[in-house]
Protein backbone atom coordinates (compact mmCIF):
# COMPACT_ATOMS: atom_id res chain seq x y z
CA MET A 1 121.55 94.42 231.18
CA SER A 2 118.40 92.80 229.82
CA GLY A 3 117.39 95.50 227.34
CA TYR A 4 113.92 96.58 226.23
CA THR A 5 111.52 93.90 224.99
CA PRO A 6 109.28 95.16 222.16
CA GLY A 7 105.84 93.75 221.49
CA GLU A 8 105.71 90.74 219.19
CA GLN A 9 105.77 91.58 215.47
CA PRO A 10 104.59 88.47 213.57
CA LYS A 11 106.09 87.82 210.15
CA ASP A 12 102.72 87.04 208.64
CA MET A 13 99.37 88.75 209.14
CA LYS A 14 97.35 85.71 210.18
CA TYR A 15 96.82 87.35 213.58
CA VAL A 16 94.40 90.01 214.72
CA LYS A 17 97.16 92.25 216.02
CA LEU A 18 96.16 94.09 219.18
CA ASN A 19 99.45 94.02 221.07
CA THR A 20 101.55 97.09 220.19
CA ASN A 21 99.07 99.99 220.26
CA GLU A 22 99.35 100.72 216.56
CA ASN A 23 96.58 102.74 214.94
CA PRO A 24 94.21 100.43 213.02
CA TYR A 25 93.56 103.04 210.34
CA PRO A 26 95.89 104.18 207.54
CA PRO A 27 97.77 107.49 207.69
CA SER A 28 96.27 110.65 206.25
CA PRO A 29 95.91 110.59 202.43
CA ALA A 30 98.10 113.70 202.52
CA VAL A 31 101.03 111.45 203.51
CA ALA A 32 100.68 109.30 200.37
CA LYS A 33 100.36 112.45 198.27
CA ALA A 34 103.52 113.92 199.80
CA MET A 35 105.39 110.67 199.23
CA LYS A 36 104.42 110.55 195.54
CA SER A 37 105.46 114.16 194.96
CA PHE A 38 108.74 113.89 196.88
CA CYS A 39 111.80 114.53 194.68
CA THR A 40 114.06 111.53 195.30
CA ASP A 41 117.02 113.39 193.77
CA ARG A 42 117.17 115.33 197.02
CA LEU A 43 118.07 112.18 198.95
CA ARG A 44 121.72 112.57 197.90
CA LEU A 45 121.80 115.55 200.31
CA TYR A 46 121.75 115.53 204.09
CA PRO A 47 118.43 116.43 205.74
CA ASP A 48 117.92 119.66 207.61
CA PRO A 49 119.64 118.90 210.95
CA LEU A 50 117.30 121.30 212.77
CA ALA A 51 114.10 120.17 210.97
CA CYS A 52 113.02 123.80 210.70
CA GLU A 53 109.82 123.35 208.68
CA LEU A 54 108.68 120.44 210.82
CA ARG A 55 109.38 122.27 214.07
CA LYS A 56 107.46 125.31 212.81
CA THR A 57 104.51 123.09 211.89
CA ILE A 58 104.45 121.58 215.38
CA ALA A 59 104.91 125.00 216.99
CA ASP A 60 101.92 126.40 215.08
CA ILE A 61 99.67 123.58 216.34
CA PHE A 62 100.54 124.28 219.99
CA ARG A 63 100.95 128.06 219.65
CA LEU A 64 104.59 127.87 220.64
CA LYS A 65 107.82 128.88 218.90
CA PRO A 66 110.12 126.54 216.94
CA GLU A 67 112.76 127.14 219.62
CA ASN A 68 110.44 125.26 222.01
CA ILE A 69 110.53 122.08 219.86
CA ILE A 70 112.99 119.25 219.29
CA VAL A 71 112.25 116.30 217.00
CA GLY A 72 113.66 112.79 217.00
CA ASN A 73 113.65 109.35 215.44
CA GLY A 74 110.52 108.31 217.33
CA SER A 75 109.72 109.25 220.92
CA ASP A 76 112.28 106.68 222.12
CA ASP A 77 114.99 108.84 220.53
CA ILE A 78 113.58 111.83 222.40
CA LEU A 79 113.73 109.86 225.66
CA THR A 80 117.34 108.85 224.96
CA ILE A 81 118.28 112.47 224.22
CA THR A 82 116.59 113.60 227.45
CA THR A 83 118.42 111.02 229.55
CA ARG A 84 121.77 111.95 227.98
CA ALA A 85 121.15 115.64 228.56
CA PHE A 86 120.02 115.60 232.18
CA VAL A 87 121.37 112.49 233.93
CA GLY A 88 125.07 111.93 234.43
CA GLU A 89 126.78 108.64 235.18
CA GLY A 90 125.85 107.49 238.66
CA GLU A 91 123.02 110.02 239.01
CA PRO A 92 119.53 108.49 239.39
CA LEU A 93 116.37 109.06 237.39
CA ALA A 94 112.87 108.23 238.63
CA SER A 95 109.72 106.67 237.18
CA PHE A 96 106.53 105.03 238.37
CA GLU A 97 105.90 101.30 238.39
CA PRO A 98 104.21 99.85 236.44
CA SER A 99 105.02 102.21 233.60
CA TYR A 100 106.86 102.26 230.26
CA SER A 101 109.55 99.58 230.60
CA LEU A 102 112.08 101.55 228.54
CA TYR A 103 112.73 104.05 231.37
CA PRO A 104 114.80 101.63 233.52
CA VAL A 105 116.68 100.51 230.38
CA LEU A 106 117.65 104.12 229.65
CA ALA A 107 118.96 104.36 233.20
CA GLU A 108 121.15 101.29 232.66
CA LEU A 109 122.48 102.69 229.37
CA GLN A 110 123.48 105.86 231.20
CA ALA A 111 125.12 103.83 234.02
CA CYS A 112 122.74 105.30 236.54
CA ARG A 113 120.06 104.04 238.91
CA CYS A 114 116.30 104.07 238.35
CA ILE A 115 114.19 104.95 241.38
CA LYS A 116 110.94 103.02 240.85
CA ILE A 117 107.95 104.46 242.68
CA PRO A 118 105.05 101.96 242.94
CA LEU A 119 101.64 103.27 241.91
CA ARG A 120 98.78 102.79 244.37
CA TYR A 121 96.10 100.37 243.22
CA ASP A 122 92.46 100.30 244.38
CA GLY A 123 90.69 99.19 241.22
CA ASP A 124 92.75 101.70 239.23
CA PHE A 125 96.30 103.04 239.43
CA HIS A 126 97.10 106.31 241.24
CA ILE A 127 100.14 108.46 241.97
CA PRO A 128 101.23 108.17 245.63
CA PRO A 129 101.04 111.54 247.43
CA ASP A 130 104.73 111.56 248.40
CA SER A 131 106.08 110.91 244.86
CA ALA A 132 108.24 114.05 244.67
CA GLU A 133 109.78 113.23 248.03
CA LYS A 134 110.56 109.64 247.00
CA ALA A 135 112.18 110.94 243.80
CA LYS A 136 114.07 113.80 245.48
CA ASP A 137 117.55 112.40 244.72
CA ALA A 138 116.81 111.98 241.00
CA ARG A 139 117.82 114.42 238.29
CA LEU A 140 115.00 113.40 235.94
CA PHE A 141 111.45 112.14 236.57
CA TYR A 142 109.68 110.21 233.77
CA ILE A 143 105.87 110.23 233.96
CA ALA A 144 103.82 108.52 231.27
CA ARG A 145 100.43 110.26 230.99
CA PRO A 146 98.26 108.43 230.03
CA ASN A 147 100.30 105.76 231.70
CA ALA A 148 101.49 102.65 229.89
CA PRO A 149 100.52 99.86 230.27
CA THR A 150 97.56 100.88 232.45
CA GLY A 151 96.02 103.69 230.33
CA THR A 152 95.55 105.81 233.46
CA LEU A 153 95.29 109.59 233.14
CA PHE A 154 96.80 110.96 236.35
CA PRO A 155 95.06 114.17 237.52
CA ILE A 156 96.73 117.25 236.15
CA ASP A 157 96.90 118.76 239.66
CA GLU A 158 99.14 115.81 240.66
CA ILE A 159 101.49 116.64 237.79
CA LYS A 160 101.56 120.28 238.87
CA LYS A 161 102.41 119.24 242.42
CA ILE A 162 105.34 117.12 241.21
CA CYS A 163 106.63 119.87 238.90
CA ARG A 164 106.47 122.33 241.77
CA LYS A 165 108.21 120.14 244.36
CA PHE A 166 110.67 118.14 242.26
CA LYS A 167 114.01 119.93 241.84
CA GLY A 168 115.05 118.19 238.62
CA VAL A 169 113.53 117.89 235.15
CA VAL A 170 110.04 116.38 234.80
CA PHE A 171 109.35 114.61 231.50
CA VAL A 172 105.65 113.96 230.91
CA ASP A 173 105.49 111.30 228.21
CA GLU A 174 102.28 112.01 226.28
CA ALA A 175 102.55 109.31 223.64
CA TYR A 176 98.80 108.64 224.04
CA ALA A 177 97.59 112.13 224.99
CA ASP A 178 95.64 112.68 221.77
CA PHE A 179 93.14 110.07 223.01
CA ALA A 180 92.79 111.73 226.44
CA ASP A 181 90.51 114.42 227.86
CA ASP A 182 93.39 116.80 228.61
CA ASN A 183 97.16 117.19 228.38
CA CYS A 184 100.07 119.00 230.04
CA VAL A 185 101.15 121.32 227.22
CA GLY A 186 99.49 124.25 228.97
CA LEU A 187 101.77 123.74 231.99
CA LEU A 188 104.93 124.59 230.03
CA LYS A 189 104.57 128.33 230.67
CA GLU A 190 104.18 127.72 234.40
CA PHE A 191 106.97 125.19 234.95
CA PRO A 192 110.40 125.77 233.34
CA ASN A 193 111.55 122.29 234.45
CA LEU A 194 108.84 120.52 232.40
CA ILE A 195 109.25 118.64 229.10
CA VAL A 196 106.25 117.21 227.26
CA GLY A 197 106.96 114.35 224.83
CA ARG A 198 104.76 113.38 221.86
CA THR A 199 104.82 110.92 218.96
CA LEU A 200 103.22 110.44 215.54
CA SER A 201 103.17 106.66 216.01
CA LYS A 202 99.75 106.37 217.65
CA SER A 203 97.24 109.03 216.71
CA TYR A 204 98.77 109.77 213.28
CA SER A 205 99.16 106.11 212.21
CA LEU A 206 102.88 106.58 211.54
CA ALA A 207 104.58 104.03 213.81
CA GLY A 208 106.65 102.82 210.86
CA LEU A 209 107.88 106.33 210.06
CA ARG A 210 109.52 106.94 213.48
CA LEU A 211 108.89 110.55 214.43
CA GLY A 212 108.69 111.90 217.96
CA TYR A 213 109.11 115.36 219.44
CA ALA A 214 109.32 117.24 222.70
CA LEU A 215 108.01 120.61 223.83
CA ALA A 216 109.87 122.61 226.48
CA SER A 217 111.45 125.95 227.32
CA ARG A 218 114.06 127.39 224.97
CA GLU A 219 116.80 126.71 227.53
CA ILE A 220 115.90 123.03 227.88
CA ILE A 221 115.63 122.52 224.12
CA GLU A 222 119.03 124.15 223.63
CA GLY A 223 120.52 121.64 226.07
CA MET A 224 118.86 118.69 224.32
CA MET A 225 120.04 119.88 220.89
CA LYS A 226 123.64 119.57 222.06
CA VAL A 227 123.41 115.81 222.59
CA LYS A 228 121.15 114.63 219.75
CA ASP A 229 122.61 112.86 216.73
CA SER A 230 123.51 115.38 214.02
CA TYR A 231 120.95 114.19 211.45
CA ASN A 232 118.55 112.21 213.60
CA VAL A 233 115.45 112.69 211.39
CA GLY A 234 115.59 111.84 207.70
CA MET A 235 114.52 114.18 204.91
CA LEU A 236 111.60 112.02 203.74
CA VAL A 237 110.42 111.52 207.33
CA GLN A 238 110.36 115.28 207.87
CA ALA A 239 108.31 115.86 204.71
CA LEU A 240 105.75 113.14 205.47
CA ALA A 241 105.42 114.23 209.11
CA VAL A 242 104.60 117.79 208.01
CA ALA A 243 101.91 116.47 205.67
CA ALA A 244 100.33 114.34 208.42
CA LEU A 245 100.38 117.12 211.00
CA LYS A 246 98.73 119.62 208.69
CA ASP A 247 95.75 117.37 207.96
CA ARG A 248 93.84 118.22 211.14
CA LYS A 249 90.47 117.03 209.78
CA TYR A 250 91.65 113.45 209.16
CA PHE A 251 93.49 113.40 212.49
CA ASN A 252 90.36 114.39 214.42
CA GLU A 253 88.11 111.93 212.56
CA THR A 254 90.44 108.98 213.23
CA LYS A 255 90.87 109.90 216.88
CA LYS A 256 87.10 110.04 217.40
CA LYS A 257 86.61 106.61 215.82
CA ILE A 258 89.18 105.04 218.15
CA CYS A 259 87.65 106.67 221.23
CA ARG A 260 84.18 105.38 220.26
CA THR A 261 85.52 101.85 219.79
CA ARG A 262 87.38 102.10 223.12
CA ALA A 263 84.11 102.91 224.92
CA PHE A 264 82.44 99.90 223.27
CA LEU A 265 85.34 97.63 224.24
CA VAL A 266 85.33 98.76 227.89
CA LYS A 267 81.56 98.33 228.18
CA SER A 268 81.67 94.87 226.60
CA LEU A 269 84.53 93.65 228.82
CA ASN A 270 82.77 94.93 231.93
CA GLU A 271 79.66 93.00 230.93
CA LYS A 272 81.82 89.85 230.68
CA GLY A 273 83.06 90.34 234.25
CA PHE A 274 86.47 91.82 233.41
CA GLU A 275 88.13 94.34 235.71
CA VAL A 276 89.03 97.23 233.39
CA CYS A 277 91.24 100.16 234.37
CA GLY A 278 90.04 103.60 233.36
CA SER A 279 91.67 104.19 229.97
CA GLN A 280 92.42 107.49 228.27
CA SER A 281 94.61 105.91 225.59
CA ASN A 282 94.20 103.73 222.50
CA PHE A 283 94.35 100.55 224.59
CA VAL A 284 92.75 99.07 227.70
CA PHE A 285 94.31 97.22 230.61
CA ALA A 286 91.93 94.48 231.68
CA ALA A 287 91.93 91.52 234.06
CA PRO A 288 89.71 88.52 233.19
CA PRO A 289 87.28 87.14 235.81
CA ASP A 290 89.74 84.38 236.79
CA ASN A 291 92.60 86.93 237.17
CA ASP A 292 94.82 84.82 234.92
CA GLY A 293 96.21 87.33 232.43
CA GLY A 294 98.81 84.87 231.17
CA GLY A 295 96.22 82.20 230.50
CA LEU A 296 94.03 84.65 228.56
CA TYR A 297 97.03 85.81 226.53
CA ARG A 298 97.88 82.25 225.54
CA ARG A 299 94.27 81.34 224.68
CA LEU A 300 93.85 84.40 222.50
CA LYS A 301 97.13 83.78 220.70
CA LYS A 302 96.10 80.20 220.02
CA ASN A 303 92.94 81.61 218.43
CA GLY A 304 94.89 84.05 216.26
CA ILE A 305 94.63 87.19 218.41
CA LEU A 306 97.70 88.95 219.80
CA VAL A 307 97.46 91.06 222.96
CA ARG A 308 100.28 92.13 225.31
CA TYR A 309 101.01 90.39 228.59
CA PHE A 310 103.33 91.73 231.30
CA LYS A 311 104.47 89.24 233.92
CA GLY A 312 104.66 90.31 237.55
CA PRO A 313 102.77 90.39 240.85
CA VAL A 314 100.92 93.60 239.92
CA THR A 315 100.54 93.34 236.14
CA GLY A 316 100.23 89.57 235.79
CA ARG A 317 96.45 89.57 236.28
CA PHE A 318 95.96 91.83 233.26
CA VAL A 319 96.38 91.91 229.52
CA ARG A 320 96.79 95.08 227.48
CA ILE A 321 94.48 95.24 224.48
CA THR A 322 94.98 97.73 221.66
CA VAL A 323 91.82 99.39 220.37
CA GLY A 324 91.51 98.04 216.83
CA THR A 325 88.73 98.41 214.30
CA ASP A 326 85.19 97.55 215.33
CA GLY A 327 85.51 94.25 213.46
CA GLU A 328 88.77 93.33 215.20
CA ILE A 329 87.28 94.12 218.61
CA ARG A 330 84.20 91.98 217.92
CA THR A 331 86.54 89.10 216.99
CA LEU A 332 88.41 89.59 220.26
CA LEU A 333 85.18 89.64 222.30
CA ARG A 334 83.94 86.42 220.71
CA ASN A 335 87.10 84.75 222.02
CA THR A 336 87.09 86.08 225.59
């Protein structure tokens, strides 16, 4: 197997780093305060294996119960747990293409097949109307919403249609949902086969902490709990995640800043003749006027700016650009 290829992480900070969708702003000041007050003597003990306080904090935000929450070592851990729980060896899972490139890797790790369903493209990316039928043999359907790397927010009615028709488990990966106009959490009461995944990496500026979680029915969470690692979230991580989640004011302020900068970036790229997909995330997927995404990637890197490039007949025209600070985006635009 080839394995998952992460975005480039340079050893020095000479680059304007717009390639891995990290938040350009620091975490909530409450995180630093919680870190300073944390009693390190406690680290000789194992963490709470059920992360009770953290799960209650998340449950309160979404008006759910802790029994509807599972937490993990980043959202990738949640995806691994989900695949273990619902796909057996030789049983397929499904995902769209292009989408998050970890999904096919998880299929290989589980010794199963990934059914890749191509998205329709007509200036933006859309779910094909027969998606549930194409995925009918799968046990698990991964849907990134907003989609990565395109930033597309598939209509919520399309998600409902898939949840209604698909006989297996539907995992809506909402890693970027805090930057979007809506989300699928409200569908959990209607569809018992739905899981909604979230992360603190993007909108909470905690990519280095590694904390992800999933929301689902009590029965689904019980099944996922059986296959997670015993102590998959460290004690300090749990404490800092609680602090970040409780600071709703800082969270909302940071989110609004990123969305404003995203609008400026999209407008500016359009004025330069770029083809920009409709983004509801903290990045944009844009094709330069000459349709040479690889060439643009190399030119920007030579000028000290990192963006993400995905080879391929569909994605090769584009680059994915993280929404940075206003200053970082102006630097990018001067070089495009």
